[in-house]
Amino acid sequence: MKAAVFLGPEKIEVRDVEKPNPKEGEVLLKVAVCAICGTDVRIYYKGQKNVVPPHIMGHEIAGTVEELGAGVTGIKSGERVVIVTSVGCGECQFCKKGLHNLCLSYRAIGYAFPGGFAEYMLIPKEAVAQGNLLPVPARLSSEEASLVEALSCCINGQKYLNISRGDVVVIFGAGPIGCMHIELARQKGASKIILINFQSQSRLDLAKRFKADLYLSSSKEDPVKRVLEETSGQGADVIITACSAKIAQEQAIRMANKNARISFFAGIPKDDPYIKLDSNEIHYKEICVFGAFASYRSQFEEAVELIASRRVDARKFLTHEFPLDDIVKGIETAKSGDALKVIIKP
């Protein structure tokens, strides 16, 4: 089969590799679409500790069940599915709660296991047993289904925030994740949604299709000052940092209203992970700061329903499509700021 093999930073080679053969408990998937994630972009350019070359990346996957290994039940050959990324041990305290994304022995499709930038991929026994293959409704295209994983992560990020009618919501980052947060916040009744982007004006312009109430470029104005002006000096009720920028986390705390909820949705560089903050802001304003990492099965199910019902219109996110042979061009396009969601079709 054909696969895009990651060989190290800025080295991907599309080559013929052996097609997997499903053993007992495993499932062979024919990949229809694999979307490019911001993490895939970062791994391509900088590498990542848990992605050991040579490796097949890709975790935003929609496909068709090609072959079942011995003993697999509950799913049929030919069934269209999306793949839950997080694979837990099944034994730790978090797995027993269904929080496989917080597993003490966490592994993930596309990272510890080969992913979807290939014509076929093997779903490991642990993932099959955990129920990581979710059926896709007939009314949902594979292209749209490839956005389920990203949307499920946004659902996870907002579960702590209790967004409700009347809230002012600020989102840092005008990429596809930031735009998904716009869609979810609006459905929960936010009264005003402000989107802030740091560099790319073209990406900010693309994000205007999601109709936030205000779009700010922090290269042109001070976002903290502007948010305070927009809220009569009180600040935002909810702030989501959907970009890997330390300054966004620092500014989030400075623009927060009393009793605000903040999601540090995106991670920041592990070799420089510390930010400066006035902890008295958190103390006296009773601000809550939450982390968010990946997602789990029930959030995938919610994302499938949101996209299938068109309450989140996945088609608005899909801006570019490339064949597997052009995966490097796809990654470059995703990085450029001239795209929202880029998909790869093997």
Protein backbone atom coordinates (compact mmCIF):
# COMPACT_ATOMS: atom_id res chain seq x y z
CA MET A 1 0.00 0.00 0.00
CA LYS A 2 0.99 3.64 -0.30
CA ALA A 3 1.84 5.54 2.89
CA ALA A 4 3.41 8.87 3.89
CA VAL A 5 6.30 7.93 6.18
CA PHE A 6 7.67 10.54 8.57
CA LEU A 7 11.48 10.20 8.69
CA GLY A 8 12.31 13.19 10.88
CA PRO A 9 11.82 16.98 10.86
CA GLU A 10 10.87 18.21 7.38
CA LYS A 11 11.27 14.70 5.96
CA ILE A 12 8.24 12.76 4.74
CA GLU A 13 8.50 10.18 2.00
CA VAL A 14 5.49 8.70 0.23
CA ARG A 15 6.43 5.09 -0.39
CA ASP A 16 5.07 1.59 -0.84
CA VAL A 17 4.93 -0.33 2.44
CA GLU A 18 3.45 -3.66 3.42
CA LYS A 19 -0.32 -3.60 3.82
CA PRO A 20 -1.23 -4.60 7.40
CA ASN A 21 -2.89 -7.93 8.07
CA PRO A 22 -5.34 -7.82 10.99
CA LYS A 23 -4.62 -10.34 13.71
CA GLU A 24 -6.99 -11.46 16.44
CA GLY A 25 -8.95 -8.53 17.84
CA GLU A 26 -7.67 -6.04 15.24
CA VAL A 27 -9.45 -4.26 12.39
CA LEU A 28 -8.09 -3.17 9.01
CA LEU A 29 -9.42 0.21 7.92
CA LYS A 30 -9.44 1.60 4.39
CA VAL A 31 -8.76 5.31 4.89
CA ALA A 32 -11.09 7.65 3.01
CA VAL A 33 -9.89 10.97 4.44
CA CYS A 34 -7.34 12.07 7.03
CA ALA A 35 -7.35 15.75 7.97
CA ILE A 36 -4.18 17.61 8.92
CA CYS A 37 -4.02 18.78 12.53
CA GLY A 38 -1.89 21.61 13.88
CA THR A 39 0.00 18.95 15.82
CA ASP A 40 0.83 17.15 12.57
CA VAL A 41 2.27 20.41 11.26
CA ARG A 42 4.38 20.88 14.37
CA ILE A 43 5.65 17.28 14.27
CA TYR A 44 6.60 17.62 10.61
CA TYR A 45 8.70 20.70 11.26
CA LYS A 46 10.09 19.95 14.73
CA GLY A 47 9.47 16.30 15.58
CA GLN A 48 7.95 15.05 18.83
CA LYS A 49 9.18 12.67 21.51
CA ASN A 50 6.28 10.20 21.21
CA VAL A 51 6.50 10.02 17.40
CA VAL A 52 9.49 7.82 16.57
CA PRO A 53 10.59 7.73 12.90
CA PRO A 54 9.94 5.97 10.63
CA HIS A 55 6.28 6.51 11.41
CA ILE A 56 2.91 7.08 9.72
CA MET A 57 1.16 10.08 11.27
CA GLY A 58 -2.45 11.24 11.03
CA HIS A 59 -5.26 10.97 13.59
CA GLU A 60 -8.27 12.86 12.17
CA ILE A 61 -9.54 9.83 10.30
CA ALA A 62 -12.66 8.69 8.46
CA GLY A 63 -12.74 5.41 6.56
CA THR A 64 -14.38 2.08 5.86
CA VAL A 65 -13.89 -1.20 7.69
CA GLU A 66 -11.98 -3.41 5.24
CA GLU A 67 -11.33 -6.58 7.23
CA LEU A 68 -12.00 -7.92 10.72
CA GLY A 69 -9.51 -9.89 12.73
CA ALA A 70 -10.63 -13.06 14.49
CA GLY A 71 -12.99 -12.50 17.39
CA VAL A 72 -14.07 -8.95 16.49
CA THR A 73 -17.78 -8.38 17.03
CA GLY A 74 -20.13 -5.41 17.03
CA ILE A 75 -18.88 -3.96 13.76
CA LYS A 76 -19.22 -5.08 10.15
CA SER A 77 -16.97 -5.12 7.12
CA GLY A 78 -17.93 -2.23 4.83
CA GLU A 79 -19.15 -0.03 7.68
CA ARG A 80 -18.12 3.63 7.56
CA VAL A 81 -16.45 4.84 10.75
CA VAL A 82 -14.42 7.52 12.47
CA ILE A 83 -11.62 6.61 14.86
CA VAL A 84 -11.41 7.72 18.49
CA THR A 85 -7.79 8.78 18.95
CA SER A 86 -7.15 8.14 22.66
CA VAL A 87 -6.26 4.58 23.63
CA GLY A 88 -6.30 3.84 27.35
CA CYS A 89 -5.02 0.97 29.44
CA GLY A 90 -8.52 0.16 30.65
CA GLU A 91 -7.33 -0.37 34.21
CA CYS A 92 -6.35 2.99 35.74
CA GLN A 93 -8.72 5.28 37.66
CA PHE A 94 -9.30 7.50 34.65
CA CYS A 95 -10.02 4.71 32.18
CA LYS A 96 -12.58 3.30 34.59
CA LYS A 97 -14.36 6.67 34.39
CA GLY A 98 -14.20 6.62 30.58
CA LEU A 99 -11.56 9.38 30.54
CA HIS A 100 -9.14 7.54 28.27
CA ASN A 101 -7.49 10.84 27.30
CA LEU A 102 -6.17 11.07 30.87
CA CYS A 103 -5.00 7.44 31.06
CA LEU A 104 -1.86 6.97 33.14
CA SER A 105 -0.44 4.92 30.24
CA TYR A 106 -1.92 7.12 27.51
CA ARG A 107 -1.28 6.23 23.88
CA ALA A 108 -2.87 7.58 20.73
CA ILE A 109 -3.60 6.65 17.14
CA GLY A 110 -1.15 8.47 14.87
CA TYR A 111 1.41 8.79 17.66
CA ALA A 112 2.14 5.52 19.48
CA PHE A 113 0.24 3.66 16.75
CA PRO A 114 0.47 4.20 12.95
CA GLY A 115 -2.08 6.68 11.69
CA GLY A 116 -4.17 7.63 8.71
CA PHE A 117 -1.78 9.16 6.18
CA ALA A 118 -1.90 5.88 4.27
CA GLU A 119 -4.27 3.88 2.09
CA TYR A 120 -4.94 1.43 4.92
CA MET A 121 -4.30 1.40 8.65
CA LEU A 122 -4.55 -1.15 11.44
CA ILE A 123 -6.76 -0.40 14.42
CA PRO A 124 -5.00 -2.07 17.37
CA LYS A 125 -6.70 -4.64 19.55
CA GLU A 126 -6.80 -2.29 22.55
CA ALA A 127 -8.60 0.40 20.56
CA VAL A 128 -11.10 -2.07 19.08
CA ALA A 129 -11.89 -3.47 22.54
CA GLN A 130 -12.31 0.05 23.90
CA GLY A 131 -14.90 0.85 21.22
CA ASN A 132 -12.81 3.32 19.24
CA LEU A 133 -14.57 2.70 15.92
CA LEU A 134 -17.71 4.85 15.73
CA PRO A 135 -20.25 4.40 12.93
CA VAL A 136 -20.79 7.36 10.61
CA PRO A 137 -24.40 8.22 9.60
CA ALA A 138 -25.11 7.84 5.89
CA ARG A 139 -25.94 11.55 5.61
CA LEU A 140 -22.41 12.47 6.72
CA SER A 141 -19.68 12.54 4.06
CA SER A 142 -16.21 11.20 4.85
CA GLU A 143 -14.79 14.68 4.33
CA GLU A 144 -17.12 16.10 6.97
CA ALA A 145 -16.53 13.10 9.26
CA SER A 146 -12.79 13.79 9.28
CA LEU A 147 -13.54 16.88 11.41
CA VAL A 148 -15.13 14.86 14.21
CA GLU A 149 -11.87 14.38 16.12
CA ALA A 150 -11.05 18.10 16.20
CA LEU A 151 -14.59 19.04 17.21
CA SER A 152 -14.56 16.43 19.99
CA CYS A 153 -11.47 18.12 21.43
CA CYS A 154 -13.29 21.46 21.45
CA ILE A 155 -16.23 19.84 23.22
CA ASN A 156 -13.78 18.56 25.83
CA GLY A 157 -12.24 22.01 26.18
CA GLN A 158 -15.60 23.66 26.80
CA LYS A 159 -17.01 21.08 29.22
CA TYR A 160 -15.55 22.96 32.21
CA LEU A 161 -16.53 26.44 31.07
CA ASN A 162 -20.31 26.40 31.55
CA ILE A 163 -20.89 28.92 28.78
CA SER A 164 -24.42 30.26 29.10
CA ARG A 165 -26.71 32.97 27.78
CA GLY A 166 -25.26 36.42 28.25
CA ASP A 167 -21.59 35.43 28.49
CA VAL A 168 -18.90 37.38 26.67
CA VAL A 169 -16.54 34.81 25.16
CA VAL A 170 -13.04 35.59 23.88
CA ILE A 171 -11.18 33.09 21.71
CA PHE A 172 -7.49 33.40 20.89
CA GLY A 173 -6.57 31.74 17.59
CA ALA A 174 -8.38 32.00 14.25
CA GLY A 175 -7.52 28.52 13.00
CA PRO A 176 -10.08 25.73 12.61
CA ILE A 177 -10.05 24.99 16.34
CA GLY A 178 -10.77 28.61 17.24
CA CYS A 179 -13.60 28.65 14.71
CA MET A 180 -15.08 25.45 16.17
CA HIS A 181 -15.07 27.13 19.55
CA ILE A 182 -17.06 29.99 18.00
CA GLU A 183 -19.70 27.55 16.78
CA LEU A 184 -20.00 25.77 20.14
CA ALA A 185 -20.06 28.99 22.18
CA ARG A 186 -22.81 30.45 20.02
CA GLN A 187 -24.99 27.37 20.48
CA LYS A 188 -24.64 27.74 24.24
CA GLY A 189 -25.99 31.28 24.14
CA ALA A 190 -22.92 33.54 24.32
CA SER A 191 -24.03 37.16 23.91
CA LYS A 192 -20.79 38.36 22.34
CA ILE A 193 -17.94 36.35 20.78
CA ILE A 194 -14.59 38.03 20.17
CA LEU A 195 -11.94 36.31 18.06
CA ILE A 196 -8.30 37.37 18.40
CA ASN A 197 -5.46 36.37 16.10
CA PHE A 198 -1.78 37.25 16.46
CA GLN A 199 -0.24 37.20 13.00
CA SER A 200 -2.12 35.99 9.93
CA GLN A 201 -4.62 38.52 8.60
CA SER A 202 -5.64 36.06 5.89
CA ARG A 203 -6.66 33.48 8.51
CA LEU A 204 -8.59 36.14 10.42
CA ASP A 205 -10.38 37.01 7.19
CA LEU A 206 -11.19 33.33 6.56
CA ALA A 207 -12.66 33.07 10.05
CA LYS A 208 -15.20 35.79 9.27
CA ARG A 209 -17.43 33.14 7.70
CA PHE A 210 -18.21 32.03 11.27
CA LYS A 211 -19.67 35.43 12.19
CA ALA A 212 -18.08 36.23 15.51
CA ASP A 213 -19.18 39.63 16.83
CA LEU A 214 -15.71 41.16 16.76
CA TYR A 215 -12.41 40.24 15.07
CA LEU A 216 -9.17 41.61 16.51
CA SER A 217 -5.61 41.47 15.24
CA SER A 218 -3.26 41.77 18.20
CA SER A 219 -0.54 43.01 15.87
CA LYS A 220 -2.66 46.12 15.31
CA GLU A 221 -4.16 46.80 18.74
CA ASP A 222 -3.91 45.77 22.38
CA PRO A 223 -6.45 42.96 22.81
CA VAL A 224 -6.69 43.38 26.60
CA LYS A 225 -7.50 47.07 26.29
CA ARG A 226 -10.03 46.44 23.53
CA VAL A 227 -11.82 43.62 25.37
CA LEU A 228 -12.11 45.80 28.47
CA GLU A 229 -13.52 48.62 26.32
CA GLU A 230 -16.06 46.23 24.78
CA THR A 231 -17.21 45.09 28.23
CA SER A 232 -17.44 48.47 30.01
CA GLY A 233 -14.25 47.68 31.89
CA GLN A 234 -15.48 44.39 33.36
CA GLY A 235 -13.70 41.87 31.13
CA ALA A 236 -14.71 38.63 29.44
CA ASP A 237 -16.63 35.85 31.17
CA VAL A 238 -14.96 33.05 29.23
CA ILE A 239 -11.57 33.05 27.50
CA ILE A 240 -10.22 30.17 25.39
CA THR A 241 -6.58 30.16 24.26
CA ALA A 242 -6.68 28.04 21.10
CA CYS A 243 -3.14 28.95 20.05
CA SER A 244 0.29 27.93 21.32
CA ALA A 245 1.32 31.39 22.51
CA LYS A 246 2.37 32.20 26.06
CA ILE A 247 1.23 35.79 25.67
CA ALA A 248 -2.33 34.61 24.98
CA GLN A 249 -2.45 32.83 28.34
CA GLU A 250 -1.06 35.90 30.11
CA GLN A 251 -3.50 38.23 28.38
CA ALA A 252 -6.40 35.89 29.10
CA ILE A 253 -5.96 36.39 32.83
CA ARG A 254 -5.58 40.15 32.44
CA MET A 255 -8.83 40.50 30.46
CA ALA A 256 -10.92 38.21 32.68
CA ASN A 257 -14.07 39.35 34.44
CA LYS A 258 -14.81 38.36 38.03
CA ASN A 259 -15.80 34.67 38.22
CA ALA A 260 -14.44 34.15 34.69
CA ARG A 261 -13.55 30.73 33.32
CA ILE A 262 -10.39 30.32 31.26
CA SER A 263 -9.40 27.33 29.12
CA PHE A 264 -5.74 26.86 28.31
CA PHE A 265 -6.83 24.77 25.35
CA ALA A 266 -3.59 24.72 23.38
CA GLY A 267 -0.29 23.65 24.88
CA ILE A 268 2.79 25.85 24.74
CA PRO A 269 6.38 24.77 23.91
CA LYS A 270 7.63 22.22 26.44
CA ASP A 271 11.11 23.72 26.41
CA ASP A 272 9.65 27.09 27.50
CA PRO A 273 6.43 26.34 29.40
CA TYR A 274 6.31 29.07 32.05
CA ILE A 275 4.18 32.21 31.92
CA LYS A 276 4.06 35.37 34.02
CA LEU A 277 0.84 36.04 35.85
CA ASP A 278 -0.50 38.01 38.76
CA SER A 279 -1.99 35.25 40.89
CA ASN A 280 -3.95 37.84 42.85
CA GLU A 281 -6.05 38.32 39.72
CA ILE A 282 -7.13 34.70 40.07
CA HIS A 283 -7.54 34.97 43.84
CA TYR A 284 -9.54 38.16 44.19
CA LYS A 285 -11.65 37.73 41.06
CA GLU A 286 -12.33 34.05 41.75
CA ILE A 287 -11.17 33.09 38.28
CA CYS A 288 -11.06 29.41 37.28
CA VAL A 289 -8.31 28.24 34.92
CA PHE A 290 -8.73 24.85 33.22
CA GLY A 291 -6.57 22.70 31.01
CA ALA A 292 -7.82 20.65 28.07
CA PHE A 293 -6.20 17.65 26.42
CA ALA A 294 -7.58 15.48 23.61
CA SER A 295 -11.03 13.89 24.11
CA TYR A 296 -12.84 10.62 24.72
CA ARG A 297 -15.50 8.43 23.13
CA SER A 298 -18.70 10.12 24.30
CA GLN A 299 -17.37 13.46 23.06
CA PHE A 300 -16.74 11.89 19.64
CA GLU A 301 -20.35 10.71 19.66
CA GLU A 302 -21.52 14.25 20.45
CA ALA A 303 -19.32 15.64 17.67
CA VAL A 304 -20.74 13.14 15.16
CA GLU A 305 -24.27 14.24 16.05
CA LEU A 306 -23.44 17.96 15.87
CA ILE A 307 -21.91 17.63 12.40
CA ALA A 308 -24.49 15.15 11.06
CA SER A 309 -27.33 17.45 12.17
CA ARG A 310 -25.56 20.46 10.59
CA ARG A 311 -25.65 22.32 13.91
CA VAL A 312 -21.94 22.55 13.17
CA ASP A 313 -21.51 22.87 9.40
CA ALA A 314 -18.26 21.05 8.68
CA ARG A 315 -18.32 22.22 5.08
CA LYS A 316 -17.43 25.77 6.18
CA PHE A 317 -14.13 24.50 7.58
CA LEU A 318 -12.96 22.50 4.55
CA THR A 319 -10.83 24.79 2.40
CA HIS A 320 -8.17 22.57 0.78
CA GLU A 321 -7.80 18.97 -0.37
CA PHE A 322 -4.67 17.09 -1.52
CA PRO A 323 -3.83 13.55 -2.59
CA LEU A 324 -1.44 11.58 -0.40
CA ASP A 325 1.41 12.18 -2.85
CA ASP A 326 1.14 15.92 -2.10
CA ILE A 327 1.06 15.64 1.70
CA VAL A 328 4.02 18.00 2.18
CA LYS A 329 2.21 20.63 0.14
CA GLY A 330 -0.85 20.01 2.31
CA ILE A 331 1.16 20.52 5.51
CA GLU A 332 2.72 23.70 4.12
CA THR A 333 -0.74 24.98 3.20
CA ALA A 334 -2.08 24.22 6.67
CA LYS A 335 0.83 26.17 8.17
CA SER A 336 0.55 29.12 5.80
CA GLY A 337 -2.49 30.78 7.31
CA ASP A 338 -4.25 30.73 3.94
CA ALA A 339 -6.34 27.67 4.88
CA LEU A 340 -8.66 26.46 7.59
CA LYS A 341 -8.98 22.68 7.38
CA VAL A 342 -6.76 20.78 4.94
CA ILE A 343 -7.63 17.16 4.17
CA ILE A 344 -5.62 14.35 2.62
CA LYS A 345 -7.21 11.66 0.47
CA PRO A 346 -5.02 8.54 0.08
